[in-house]
């Protein structure tokens, strides 16, 4: 049974990517960075696997539904 995907918060995303907060949100708007999702009334998070995929290849990263085969 595969391990469940962890949800990570903004501070962890900042540390793993080396990007600033404003750059992350600009890239989300451009579609070149994984979007966060709501985890509570006032909280959001990212799937760890999405951030790991972005860190592996930030230039070619695309959302999973657009990635297709050959990622």
N, C-alpha and C. Protein backbone atom coordinates (compact mmCIF):
# COMPACT_ATOMS: atom_id res chain seq x y z
N UNK A 1 0.84 -1.17 0.00
CA UNK A 1 0.00 0.00 0.00
C UNK A 1 0.89 1.24 0.00
N UNK A 2 0.74 2.13 -1.00
CA UNK A 2 1.58 3.32 -1.06
C UNK A 2 1.28 4.29 0.08
N UNK A 3 2.30 5.02 0.48
CA UNK A 3 2.13 6.00 1.55
C UNK A 3 1.25 7.15 1.04
N UNK A 4 0.40 7.69 1.91
CA UNK A 4 -0.44 8.82 1.48
C UNK A 4 0.43 10.05 1.21
N UNK A 5 -0.04 10.87 0.29
CA UNK A 5 0.67 12.10 -0.04
C UNK A 5 0.52 13.09 1.11
N UNK A 6 1.64 13.64 1.59
CA UNK A 6 1.59 14.60 2.68
C UNK A 6 1.15 15.96 2.17
N UNK A 7 0.56 16.74 3.04
CA UNK A 7 0.21 18.12 2.75
C UNK A 7 1.24 18.99 3.45
N UNK A 8 1.86 19.89 2.70
CA UNK A 8 2.87 20.77 3.28
C UNK A 8 2.39 22.22 3.19
N UNK A 9 2.85 23.02 4.14
CA UNK A 9 2.42 24.42 4.23
C UNK A 9 3.43 25.34 3.55
N UNK A 10 3.10 26.61 3.48
CA UNK A 10 3.89 27.59 2.75
C UNK A 10 5.35 27.65 3.21
N UNK A 11 5.61 27.66 4.50
CA UNK A 11 7.00 27.75 4.96
C UNK A 11 7.85 26.60 4.45
N UNK A 12 7.29 25.41 4.37
CA UNK A 12 8.02 24.25 3.85
C UNK A 12 8.24 24.40 2.35
N UNK A 13 7.23 24.89 1.64
CA UNK A 13 7.37 25.11 0.20
C UNK A 13 8.46 26.15 -0.06
N UNK A 14 8.47 27.22 0.71
CA UNK A 14 9.50 28.26 0.56
C UNK A 14 10.90 27.66 0.76
N UNK A 15 11.05 26.85 1.79
CA UNK A 15 12.35 26.25 2.10
C UNK A 15 12.80 25.27 1.01
N UNK A 16 11.89 24.48 0.49
CA UNK A 16 12.25 23.47 -0.51
C UNK A 16 12.54 24.06 -1.87
N UNK A 17 11.87 25.14 -2.22
CA UNK A 17 12.02 25.70 -3.57
C UNK A 17 13.05 26.81 -3.64
N UNK A 18 13.26 27.52 -2.53
CA UNK A 18 14.15 28.67 -2.55
C UNK A 18 13.52 29.90 -3.17
N UNK A 19 12.23 29.82 -3.46
CA UNK A 19 11.51 30.95 -4.04
C UNK A 19 10.93 31.84 -2.95
N UNK A 20 10.64 33.08 -3.29
CA UNK A 20 9.97 33.97 -2.34
C UNK A 20 8.47 33.72 -2.42
N UNK A 21 7.77 34.19 -1.42
CA UNK A 21 6.31 34.05 -1.38
C UNK A 21 5.66 34.69 -2.60
N UNK A 22 6.08 35.91 -2.94
CA UNK A 22 5.48 36.59 -4.09
C UNK A 22 5.76 35.87 -5.40
N UNK A 23 6.95 35.29 -5.53
CA UNK A 23 7.28 34.54 -6.75
C UNK A 23 6.42 33.29 -6.86
N UNK A 24 6.20 32.61 -5.75
CA UNK A 24 5.34 31.41 -5.78
C UNK A 24 3.94 31.78 -6.26
N UNK A 25 3.35 32.82 -5.70
CA UNK A 25 1.99 33.19 -6.10
C UNK A 25 1.93 33.72 -7.53
N UNK A 26 2.99 34.39 -7.99
CA UNK A 26 3.04 34.83 -9.39
C UNK A 26 3.09 33.62 -10.32
N UNK A 27 3.93 32.64 -9.97
CA UNK A 27 4.06 31.44 -10.79
C UNK A 27 2.76 30.63 -10.79
N UNK A 28 2.05 30.59 -9.67
CA UNK A 28 0.75 29.91 -9.64
C UNK A 28 -0.19 30.58 -10.64
N UNK A 29 -0.23 31.91 -10.64
CA UNK A 29 -1.09 32.65 -11.56
C UNK A 29 -0.70 32.40 -13.02
N UNK A 30 0.59 32.21 -13.28
CA UNK A 30 1.08 31.93 -14.63
C UNK A 30 0.85 30.48 -15.04
N UNK A 31 0.57 29.62 -14.07
CA UNK A 31 0.39 28.19 -14.35
C UNK A 31 1.69 27.42 -14.40
N UNK A 32 2.77 27.98 -13.83
CA UNK A 32 4.07 27.32 -13.86
C UNK A 32 4.51 26.81 -12.49
N UNK A 33 3.58 26.74 -11.55
CA UNK A 33 3.86 26.22 -10.20
C UNK A 33 2.59 25.58 -9.68
N UNK A 34 2.71 24.49 -8.90
CA UNK A 34 1.52 23.83 -8.37
C UNK A 34 0.67 24.79 -7.52
N UNK A 35 -0.62 24.75 -7.74
CA UNK A 35 -1.54 25.59 -6.96
C UNK A 35 -1.80 24.97 -5.59
N UNK A 36 -2.00 25.81 -4.62
CA UNK A 36 -2.36 25.35 -3.29
C UNK A 36 -3.86 25.00 -3.27
N UNK A 37 -4.28 24.31 -2.24
CA UNK A 37 -5.70 24.01 -2.07
C UNK A 37 -6.08 24.23 -0.62
N UNK A 38 -7.34 24.47 -0.40
CA UNK A 38 -7.86 24.80 0.93
C UNK A 38 -7.88 23.54 1.80
N UNK A 39 -7.31 23.65 3.01
CA UNK A 39 -7.32 22.51 3.94
C UNK A 39 -8.13 22.82 5.19
N UNK A 40 -8.48 24.09 5.38
CA UNK A 40 -9.35 24.49 6.48
C UNK A 40 -9.92 25.87 6.14
N UNK A 41 -10.68 26.44 7.04
CA UNK A 41 -11.29 27.74 6.79
C UNK A 41 -10.25 28.80 6.46
N UNK A 42 -9.14 28.80 7.18
CA UNK A 42 -8.13 29.83 6.97
C UNK A 42 -6.78 29.27 6.54
N UNK A 43 -6.73 28.03 6.12
CA UNK A 43 -5.44 27.42 5.79
C UNK A 43 -5.42 26.79 4.42
N UNK A 44 -4.25 26.84 3.79
CA UNK A 44 -4.04 26.17 2.52
C UNK A 44 -2.77 25.35 2.59
N UNK A 45 -2.62 24.44 1.67
CA UNK A 45 -1.43 23.60 1.61
C UNK A 45 -1.20 23.10 0.21
N UNK A 46 -0.08 22.43 0.02
CA UNK A 46 0.29 21.86 -1.27
C UNK A 46 0.52 20.38 -1.08
N UNK A 47 0.28 19.60 -2.11
CA UNK A 47 0.63 18.17 -2.08
C UNK A 47 2.15 18.08 -2.21
N UNK A 48 2.76 17.32 -1.33
CA UNK A 48 4.21 17.17 -1.35
C UNK A 48 4.69 16.63 -2.68
N UNK A 49 3.96 15.71 -3.27
CA UNK A 49 4.38 15.13 -4.55
C UNK A 49 4.41 16.18 -5.66
N UNK A 50 3.47 17.13 -5.65
CA UNK A 50 3.47 18.20 -6.65
C UNK A 50 4.71 19.07 -6.51
N UNK A 51 5.07 19.42 -5.28
CA UNK A 51 6.24 20.26 -5.05
C UNK A 51 7.51 19.49 -5.42
N UNK A 52 7.56 18.20 -5.08
CA UNK A 52 8.73 17.40 -5.44
C UNK A 52 8.90 17.32 -6.95
N UNK A 53 7.79 17.15 -7.68
CA UNK A 53 7.86 17.13 -9.15
C UNK A 53 8.37 18.46 -9.69
N UNK A 54 7.92 19.57 -9.10
CA UNK A 54 8.37 20.88 -9.55
C UNK A 54 9.86 21.06 -9.29
N UNK A 55 10.33 20.64 -8.10
CA UNK A 55 11.74 20.79 -7.75
C UNK A 55 12.62 19.97 -8.69
N UNK A 56 12.15 18.79 -9.09
CA UNK A 56 12.93 17.94 -10.00
C UNK A 56 13.15 18.60 -11.35
N UNK A 57 12.14 19.32 -11.85
CA UNK A 57 12.26 19.94 -13.17
C UNK A 57 11.34 21.15 -13.27
N UNK A 58 11.76 22.29 -12.73
CA UNK A 58 10.89 23.47 -12.71
C UNK A 58 10.57 24.03 -14.09
N UNK A 59 11.47 23.88 -15.05
CA UNK A 59 11.24 24.45 -16.38
C UNK A 59 10.14 23.70 -17.12
N UNK A 60 10.13 22.39 -17.00
CA UNK A 60 9.15 21.59 -17.74
C UNK A 60 7.91 21.22 -16.94
N UNK A 61 7.79 21.71 -15.70
CA UNK A 61 6.66 21.34 -14.86
C UNK A 61 5.35 21.83 -15.48
N UNK A 62 4.36 20.95 -15.47
CA UNK A 62 3.00 21.29 -15.88
C UNK A 62 2.05 20.57 -14.93
N UNK A 63 0.84 21.11 -14.74
CA UNK A 63 -0.12 20.40 -13.89
C UNK A 63 -0.33 18.98 -14.40
N UNK A 64 -0.59 18.05 -13.50
CA UNK A 64 -0.71 16.63 -13.87
C UNK A 64 -1.70 16.39 -15.00
N UNK A 65 -2.83 17.09 -15.01
CA UNK A 65 -3.83 16.85 -16.05
C UNK A 65 -3.35 17.33 -17.43
N UNK A 66 -2.30 18.18 -17.46
CA UNK A 66 -1.74 18.64 -18.73
C UNK A 66 -0.44 17.95 -19.07
N UNK A 67 0.15 17.21 -18.12
CA UNK A 67 1.48 16.65 -18.31
C UNK A 67 1.49 15.55 -19.35
N UNK A 68 0.47 14.71 -19.39
CA UNK A 68 0.44 13.61 -20.35
C UNK A 68 1.53 12.60 -20.07
N UNK A 69 1.82 11.77 -21.06
CA UNK A 69 2.86 10.75 -20.93
C UNK A 69 4.24 11.36 -21.14
N UNK A 70 5.25 10.72 -20.63
CA UNK A 70 6.62 11.13 -20.86
C UNK A 70 7.10 12.26 -19.96
N UNK A 71 6.51 12.38 -18.78
CA UNK A 71 6.96 13.43 -17.85
C UNK A 71 8.38 13.27 -17.48
